[in-house]
Amino acid sequence: MSTTEKLIKISFLIRKRDDITTEEFHRYWSEEHPKAWLSVAIVKAKIVKYSQFHFNNSLIDASMGLSMTPYDGAASL
């Protein structure tokens, strides 16, 4: 990629499917999803950075006394 190309950043909030556990979601998203996502040709050619942020809502709720949004993670590219 040329250093003169303009870049954009896209962020997504992620929710797990209701039929899988939180543990299954985080394992799949951290281990399997990147392999599939990063194997796509356009992604390999155009994506400069891919980041995942895994939320642990129970720890956040307990430590801050606040309720969290109904999301399980966020991704940025």
PDB file of N, CA and C in Angstrom:
ATOM      1  N   MET A   1       0.844  -1.172   0.000  1.00  0.00           N
ATOM      2  CA  MET A   1       0.000   0.000   0.000  1.00  0.00           C
ATOM      3  C   MET A   1       0.887   1.231   0.000  1.00  0.00           C
ATOM      4  N   SER A   2       0.588   2.155  -0.835  1.00  0.00           N
ATOM      5  CA  SER A   2       1.326   3.412  -0.930  1.00  0.00           C
ATOM      6  C   SER A   2       1.127   4.236   0.339  1.00  0.00           C
ATOM      7  N   THR A   3       2.156   4.941   0.745  1.00  0.00           N
ATOM      8  CA  THR A   3       2.028   5.782   1.937  1.00  0.00           C
ATOM      9  C   THR A   3       1.167   7.010   1.685  1.00  0.00           C
ATOM     10  N   THR A   4       0.826   7.279   0.434  1.00  0.00           N
ATOM     11  CA  THR A   4      -0.043   8.418   0.128  1.00  0.00           C
ATOM     12  C   THR A   4      -1.519   8.034   0.085  1.00  0.00           C
ATOM     13  N   GLU A   5      -1.829   6.739   0.183  1.00  0.00           N
ATOM     14  CA  GLU A   5      -3.230   6.317   0.198  1.00  0.00           C
ATOM     15  C   GLU A   5      -3.880   6.740   1.502  1.00  0.00           C
ATOM     16  N   LYS A   6      -5.149   7.157   1.413  1.00  0.00           N
ATOM     17  CA  LYS A   6      -5.889   7.511   2.617  1.00  0.00           C
ATOM     18  C   LYS A   6      -6.454   6.245   3.241  1.00  0.00           C
ATOM     19  N   LEU A   7      -6.449   6.210   4.549  1.00  0.00           N
ATOM     20  CA  LEU A   7      -6.956   5.066   5.289  1.00  0.00           C
ATOM     21  C   LEU A   7      -8.226   5.462   6.031  1.00  0.00           C
ATOM     22  N   ILE A   8      -9.086   4.479   6.254  1.00  0.00           N
ATOM     23  CA  ILE A   8     -10.253   4.680   7.098  1.00  0.00           C
ATOM     24  C   ILE A   8     -10.236   3.611   8.180  1.00  0.00           C
ATOM     25  N   LYS A   9     -10.918   3.873   9.267  1.00  0.00           N
ATOM     26  CA  LYS A   9     -11.046   2.896  10.349  1.00  0.00           C
ATOM     27  C   LYS A   9     -12.523   2.576  10.507  1.00  0.00           C
ATOM     28  N   ILE A  10     -12.829   1.297  10.585  1.00  0.00           N
ATOM     29  CA  ILE A  10     -14.202   0.837  10.764  1.00  0.00           C
ATOM     30  C   ILE A  10     -14.243   0.029  12.052  1.00  0.00           C
ATOM     31  N   SER A  11     -15.238   0.291  12.886  1.00  0.00           N
ATOM     32  CA  SER A  11     -15.400  -0.448  14.137  1.00  0.00           C
ATOM     33  C   SER A  11     -16.767  -1.114  14.163  1.00  0.00           C
ATOM     34  N   PHE A  12     -16.805  -2.296  14.761  1.00  0.00           N
ATOM     35  CA  PHE A  12     -18.029  -3.083  14.868  1.00  0.00           C
ATOM     36  C   PHE A  12     -18.239  -3.478  16.319  1.00  0.00           C
ATOM     37  N   LEU A  13     -19.480  -3.458  16.776  1.00  0.00           N
ATOM     38  CA  LEU A  13     -19.842  -4.055  18.054  1.00  0.00           C
ATOM     39  C   LEU A  13     -20.390  -5.437  17.751  1.00  0.00           C
ATOM     40  N   ILE A  14     -19.958  -6.423  18.516  1.00  0.00           N
ATOM     41  CA  ILE A  14     -20.258  -7.823  18.221  1.00  0.00           C
ATOM     42  C   ILE A  14     -21.107  -8.426  19.343  1.00  0.00           C
ATOM     43  N   ARG A  15     -22.123  -9.189  18.949  1.00  0.00           N
ATOM     44  CA  ARG A  15     -22.918  -9.980  19.895  1.00  0.00           C
ATOM     45  C   ARG A  15     -22.788 -11.445  19.530  1.00  0.00           C
ATOM     46  N   LYS A  16     -22.692 -12.277  20.532  1.00  0.00           N
ATOM     47  CA  LYS A  16     -22.648 -13.715  20.269  1.00  0.00           C
ATOM     48  C   LYS A  16     -24.047 -14.213  19.918  1.00  0.00           C
ATOM     49  N   ARG A  17     -24.094 -15.331  19.226  1.00  0.00           N
ATOM     50  CA  ARG A  17     -25.386 -15.974  18.953  1.00  0.00           C
ATOM     51  C   ARG A  17     -25.943 -16.520  20.268  1.00  0.00           C
ATOM     52  N   ASP A  18     -27.253 -16.575  20.376  1.00  0.00           N
ATOM     53  CA  ASP A  18     -27.891 -17.067  21.594  1.00  0.00           C
ATOM     54  C   ASP A  18     -27.656 -18.552  21.836  1.00  0.00           C
ATOM     55  N   ASP A  19     -27.347 -19.301  20.780  1.00  0.00           N
ATOM     56  CA  ASP A  19     -27.217 -20.752  20.931  1.00  0.00           C
ATOM     57  C   ASP A  19     -25.806 -21.203  21.308  1.00  0.00           C
ATOM     58  N   ILE A  20     -24.888 -20.290  21.586  1.00  0.00           N
ATOM     59  CA  ILE A  20     -23.545 -20.682  22.025  1.00  0.00           C
ATOM     60  C   ILE A  20     -23.216 -19.984  23.344  1.00  0.00           C
ATOM     61  N   THR A  21     -22.318 -20.600  24.104  1.00  0.00           N
ATOM     62  CA  THR A  21     -21.923 -20.009  25.379  1.00  0.00           C
ATOM     63  C   THR A  21     -20.952 -18.856  25.143  1.00  0.00           C
ATOM     64  N   THR A  22     -20.787 -18.058  26.163  1.00  0.00           N
ATOM     65  CA  THR A  22     -19.825 -16.955  26.092  1.00  0.00           C
ATOM     66  C   THR A  22     -18.422 -17.492  25.848  1.00  0.00           C
ATOM     67  N   GLU A  23     -18.075 -18.584  26.521  1.00  0.00           N
ATOM     68  CA  GLU A  23     -16.750 -19.183  26.348  1.00  0.00           C
ATOM     69  C   GLU A  23     -16.543 -19.673  24.916  1.00  0.00           C
ATOM     70  N   GLU A  24     -17.570 -20.330  24.350  1.00  0.00           N
ATOM     71  CA  GLU A  24     -17.478 -20.794  22.961  1.00  0.00           C
ATOM     72  C   GLU A  24     -17.310 -19.616  21.998  1.00  0.00           C
ATOM     73  N   PHE A  25     -18.044 -18.549  22.236  1.00  0.00           N
ATOM     74  CA  PHE A  25     -17.945 -17.360  21.391  1.00  0.00           C
ATOM     75  C   PHE A  25     -16.526 -16.800  21.398  1.00  0.00           C
ATOM     76  N   HIS A  26     -15.982 -16.578  22.593  1.00  0.00           N
ATOM     77  CA  HIS A  26     -14.655 -15.970  22.685  1.00  0.00           C
ATOM     78  C   HIS A  26     -13.570 -16.881  22.114  1.00  0.00           C
ATOM     79  N   ARG A  27     -13.693 -18.186  22.322  1.00  0.00           N
ATOM     80  CA  ARG A  27     -12.718 -19.110  21.748  1.00  0.00           C
ATOM     81  C   ARG A  27     -12.783 -19.076  20.228  1.00  0.00           C
ATOM     82  N   TYR A  28     -13.979 -19.180  19.661  1.00  0.00           N
ATOM     83  CA  TYR A  28     -14.116 -19.161  18.206  1.00  0.00           C
ATOM     84  C   TYR A  28     -13.622 -17.837  17.633  1.00  0.00           C
ATOM     85  N   TRP A  29     -14.054 -16.744  18.237  1.00  0.00           N
ATOM     86  CA  TRP A  29     -13.718 -15.427  17.701  1.00  0.00           C
ATOM     87  C   TRP A  29     -12.217 -15.162  17.772  1.00  0.00           C
ATOM     88  N   SER A  30     -11.542 -15.622  18.817  1.00  0.00           N
ATOM     89  CA  SER A  30     -10.103 -15.354  18.927  1.00  0.00           C
ATOM     90  C   SER A  30      -9.251 -16.365  18.172  1.00  0.00           C
ATOM     91  N   GLU A  31      -9.726 -17.609  17.995  1.00  0.00           N
ATOM     92  CA  GLU A  31      -8.903 -18.643  17.365  1.00  0.00           C
ATOM     93  C   GLU A  31      -9.284 -18.953  15.918  1.00  0.00           C
ATOM     94  N   GLU A  32     -10.563 -19.096  15.634  1.00  0.00           N
ATOM     95  CA  GLU A  32     -11.008 -19.537  14.309  1.00  0.00           C
ATOM     96  C   GLU A  32     -11.322 -18.380  13.356  1.00  0.00           C
ATOM     97  N   HIS A  33     -12.022 -17.388  13.851  1.00  0.00           N
ATOM     98  CA  HIS A  33     -12.444 -16.285  12.989  1.00  0.00           C
ATOM     99  C   HIS A  33     -11.277 -15.565  12.315  1.00  0.00           C
ATOM    100  N   PRO A  34     -10.195 -15.238  13.025  1.00  0.00           N
ATOM    101  CA  PRO A  34      -9.082 -14.552  12.342  1.00  0.00           C
ATOM    102  C   PRO A  34      -8.499 -15.355  11.178  1.00  0.00           C
ATOM    103  N   LYS A  35      -8.417 -16.678  11.335  1.00  0.00           N
ATOM    104  CA  LYS A  35      -7.889 -17.509  10.238  1.00  0.00           C
ATOM    105  C   LYS A  35      -8.770 -17.389   8.997  1.00  0.00           C
ATOM    106  N   ALA A  36     -10.082 -17.455   9.193  1.00  0.00           N
ATOM    107  CA  ALA A  36     -11.001 -17.350   8.053  1.00  0.00           C
ATOM    108  C   ALA A  36     -10.990 -15.940   7.472  1.00  0.00           C
ATOM    109  N   TRP A  37     -11.080 -14.945   8.317  1.00  0.00           N
ATOM    110  CA  TRP A  37     -11.129 -13.543   7.887  1.00  0.00           C
ATOM    111  C   TRP A  37      -9.859 -13.149   7.152  1.00  0.00           C
ATOM    112  N   LEU A  38      -8.715 -13.485   7.714  1.00  0.00           N
ATOM    113  CA  LEU A  38      -7.445 -13.056   7.131  1.00  0.00           C
ATOM    114  C   LEU A  38      -7.032 -13.880   5.917  1.00  0.00           C
ATOM    115  N   SER A  39      -7.785 -14.920   5.587  1.00  0.00           N
ATOM    116  CA  SER A  39      -7.488 -15.706   4.386  1.00  0.00           C
ATOM    117  C   SER A  39      -8.205 -15.161   3.145  1.00  0.00           C
ATOM    118  N   VAL A  40      -9.106 -14.208   3.317  1.00  0.00           N
ATOM    119  CA  VAL A  40      -9.842 -13.608   2.201  1.00  0.00           C
ATOM    120  C   VAL A  40      -8.900 -12.668   1.442  1.00  0.00           C
ATOM    121  N   ALA A  41      -8.836 -12.823   0.124  1.00  0.00           N
ATOM    122  CA  ALA A  41      -7.864 -12.084  -0.696  1.00  0.00           C
ATOM    123  C   ALA A  41      -7.961 -10.570  -0.527  1.00  0.00           C
ATOM    124  N   ILE A  42      -9.165 -10.014  -0.576  1.00  0.00           N
ATOM    125  CA  ILE A  42      -9.306  -8.557  -0.468  1.00  0.00           C
ATOM    126  C   ILE A  42      -8.877  -8.069   0.910  1.00  0.00           C
ATOM    127  N   VAL A  43      -9.116  -8.878   1.924  1.00  0.00           N
ATOM    128  CA  VAL A  43      -8.684  -8.519   3.279  1.00  0.00           C
ATOM    129  C   VAL A  43      -7.162  -8.503   3.343  1.00  0.00           C
ATOM    130  N   LYS A  44      -6.530  -9.545   2.805  1.00  0.00           N
ATOM    131  CA  LYS A  44      -5.063  -9.590   2.801  1.00  0.00           C
ATOM    132  C   LYS A  44      -4.472  -8.414   2.038  1.00  0.00           C
ATOM    133  N   ALA A  45      -5.138  -7.995   0.978  1.00  0.00           N
ATOM    134  CA  ALA A  45      -4.602  -6.925   0.138  1.00  0.00           C
ATOM    135  C   ALA A  45      -4.849  -5.525   0.702  1.00  0.00           C
ATOM    136  N   LYS A  46      -5.949  -5.334   1.420  1.00  0.00           N
ATOM    137  CA  LYS A  46      -6.356  -3.973   1.782  1.00  0.00           C
ATOM    138  C   LYS A  46      -6.386  -3.647   3.271  1.00  0.00           C
ATOM    139  N   ILE A  47      -6.531  -4.643   4.125  1.00  0.00           N
ATOM    140  CA  ILE A  47      -6.645  -4.361   5.557  1.00  0.00           C
ATOM    141  C   ILE A  47      -5.251  -4.213   6.157  1.00  0.00           C
ATOM    142  N   VAL A  48      -5.014  -3.080   6.798  1.00  0.00           N
ATOM    143  CA  VAL A  48      -3.709  -2.785   7.384  1.00  0.00           C
ATOM    144  C   VAL A  48      -3.605  -3.354   8.794  1.00  0.00           C
ATOM    145  N   LYS A  49      -4.704  -3.289   9.561  1.00  0.00           N
ATOM    146  CA  LYS A  49      -4.693  -3.756  10.946  1.00  0.00           C
ATOM    147  C   LYS A  49      -6.073  -4.286  11.299  1.00  0.00           C
ATOM    148  N   TYR A  50      -6.102  -5.384  12.063  1.00  0.00           N
ATOM    149  CA  TYR A  50      -7.348  -5.976  12.542  1.00  0.00           C
ATOM    150  C   TYR A  50      -7.194  -6.187  14.041  1.00  0.00           C
ATOM    151  N   SER A  51      -8.093  -5.622  14.832  1.00  0.00           N
ATOM    152  CA  SER A  51      -8.022  -5.735  16.287  1.00  0.00           C
ATOM    153  C   SER A  51      -9.344  -6.240  16.838  1.00  0.00           C
ATOM    154  N   GLN A  52      -9.248  -7.057  17.875  1.00  0.00           N
ATOM    155  CA  GLN A  52     -10.425  -7.534  18.587  1.00  0.00           C
ATOM    156  C   GLN A  52     -10.343  -7.064  20.038  1.00  0.00           C
ATOM    157  N   PHE A  53     -11.487  -6.736  20.604  1.00  0.00           N
ATOM    158  CA  PHE A  53     -11.584  -6.366  22.007  1.00  0.00           C
ATOM    159  C   PHE A  53     -12.673  -7.241  22.618  1.00  0.00           C
ATOM    160  N   HIS A  54     -12.291  -8.128  23.522  1.00  0.00           N
ATOM    161  CA  HIS A  54     -13.232  -9.058  24.142  1.00  0.00           C
ATOM    162  C   HIS A  54     -13.735  -8.457  25.451  1.00  0.00           C
ATOM    163  N   PHE A  55     -15.053  -8.349  25.585  1.00  0.00           N
ATOM    164  CA  PHE A  55     -15.651  -7.793  26.793  1.00  0.00           C
ATOM    165  C   PHE A  55     -15.933  -8.914  27.785  1.00  0.00           C
ATOM    166  N   ASN A  56     -15.685  -8.661  29.049  1.00  0.00           N
ATOM    167  CA  ASN A  56     -16.097  -9.557  30.126  1.00  0.00           C
ATOM    168  C   ASN A  56     -17.047  -8.744  30.996  1.00  0.00           C
ATOM    169  N   ASN A  57     -18.317  -8.763  30.622  1.00  0.00           N
ATOM    170  CA  ASN A  57     -19.302  -7.902  31.262  1.00  0.00           C
ATOM    171  C   ASN A  57     -19.467  -8.172  32.746  1.00  0.00           C
ATOM    172  N   SER A  58     -19.329  -9.432  33.183  1.00  0.00           N
ATOM    173  CA  SER A  58     -19.513  -9.719  34.606  1.00  0.00           C
ATOM    174  C   SER A  58     -18.415  -9.070  35.442  1.00  0.00           C
ATOM    175  N   LEU A  59     -17.178  -9.055  34.953  1.00  0.00           N
ATOM    176  CA  LEU A  59     -16.097  -8.384  35.683  1.00  0.00           C
ATOM    177  C   LEU A  59     -16.297  -6.880  35.707  1.00  0.00           C
ATOM    178  N   ILE A  60     -16.726  -6.331  34.596  1.00  0.00           N
ATOM    179  CA  ILE A  60     -16.958  -4.885  34.530  1.00  0.00           C
ATOM    180  C   ILE A  60     -18.111  -4.505  35.453  1.00  0.00           C
ATOM    181  N   ASP A  61     -19.188  -5.283  35.422  1.00  0.00           N
ATOM    182  CA  ASP A  61     -20.330  -5.014  36.300  1.00  0.00           C
ATOM    183  C   ASP A  61     -19.900  -5.046  37.762  1.00  0.00           C
ATOM    184  N   ALA A  62     -19.130  -6.073  38.146  1.00  0.00           N
ATOM    185  CA  ALA A  62     -18.723  -6.251  39.534  1.00  0.00           C
ATOM    186  C   ALA A  62     -17.758  -5.162  39.990  1.00  0.00           C
ATOM    187  N   SER A  63     -16.820  -4.790  39.153  1.00  0.00           N
ATOM    188  CA  SER A  63     -15.797  -3.844  39.582  1.00  0.00           C
ATOM    189  C   SER A  63     -16.271  -2.400  39.576  1.00  0.00           C
ATOM    190  N   MET A  64     -17.179  -2.070  38.694  1.00  0.00           N
ATOM    191  CA  MET A  64     -17.592  -0.675  38.567  1.00  0.00           C
ATOM    192  C   MET A  64     -19.017  -0.423  39.053  1.00  0.00           C
ATOM    193  N   GLY A  65     -19.764  -1.484  39.291  1.00  0.00           N
ATOM    194  CA  GLY A  65     -21.146  -1.306  39.697  1.00  0.00           C
ATOM    195  C   GLY A  65     -22.027  -0.750  38.595  1.00  0.00           C
ATOM    196  N   LEU A  66     -21.585  -0.913  37.357  1.00  0.00           N
ATOM    197  CA  LEU A  66     -22.329  -0.404  36.207  1.00  0.00           C
ATOM    198  C   LEU A  66     -22.783  -1.557  35.335  1.00  0.00           C
ATOM    199  N   SER A  67     -23.913  -1.403  34.691  1.00  0.00           N
ATOM    200  CA  SER A  67     -24.309  -2.424  33.729  1.00  0.00           C
ATOM    201  C   SER A  67     -23.701  -2.065  32.373  1.00  0.00           C
ATOM    202  N   MET A  68     -23.362  -3.078  31.615  1.00  0.00           N
ATOM    203  CA  MET A  68     -22.723  -2.885  30.315  1.00  0.00           C
ATOM    204  C   MET A  68     -23.741  -3.008  29.198  1.00  0.00           C
ATOM    205  N   THR A  69     -23.322  -2.614  28.024  1.00  0.00           N
ATOM    206  CA  THR A  69     -24.131  -2.800  26.831  1.00  0.00           C
ATOM    207  C   THR A  69     -24.254  -4.289  26.546  1.00  0.00           C
ATOM    208  N   PRO A  70     -25.228  -4.693  25.752  1.00  0.00           N
ATOM    209  CA  PRO A  70     -25.436  -6.120  25.492  1.00  0.00           C
ATOM    210  C   PRO A  70     -24.497  -6.687  24.423  1.00  0.00           C
ATOM    211  N   TYR A  71     -23.262  -6.212  24.374  1.00  0.00           N
ATOM    212  CA  TYR A  71     -22.306  -6.688  23.380  1.00  0.00           C
ATOM    213  C   TYR A  71     -21.236  -7.531  24.049  1.00  0.00           C
ATOM    214  N   ASP A  72     -20.670  -8.442  23.266  1.00  0.00           N
ATOM    215  CA  ASP A  72     -19.642  -9.338  23.774  1.00  0.00           C
ATOM    216  C   ASP A  72     -18.249  -8.948  23.310  1.00  0.00           C
ATOM    217  N   GLY A  73     -18.161  -8.037  22.363  1.00  0.00           N
ATOM    218  CA  GLY A  73     -16.857  -7.614  21.879  1.00  0.00           C
ATOM    219  C   GLY A  73     -16.976  -6.502  20.860  1.00  0.00           C
ATOM    220  N   ALA A  74     -15.807  -6.035  20.433  1.00  0.00           N
ATOM    221  CA  ALA A  74     -15.730  -5.014  19.390  1.00  0.00           C
ATOM    222  C   ALA A  74     -14.553  -5.355  18.497  1.00  0.00           C
ATOM    223  N   ALA A  75     -14.660  -5.016  17.233  1.00  0.00           N
ATOM    224  CA  ALA A  75     -13.571  -5.242  16.284  1.00  0.00           C
ATOM    225  C   ALA A  75     -13.325  -3.953  15.523  1.00  0.00           C
ATOM    226  N   SER A  76     -12.068  -3.714  15.210  1.00  0.00           N
ATOM    227  CA  SER A  76     -11.688  -2.549  14.408  1.00  0.00           C
ATOM    228  C   SER A  76     -10.806  -2.994  13.276  1.00  0.00           C
ATOM    229  N   LEU A  77     -10.999  -2.384  12.120  1.00  0.00           N
ATOM    230  CA  LEU A  77     -10.117  -2.624  10.994  1.00  0.00           C
ATOM    231  C   LEU A  77      -9.969  -1.349  10.225  1.00  0.00           C
TER     232      LEU A  77
END
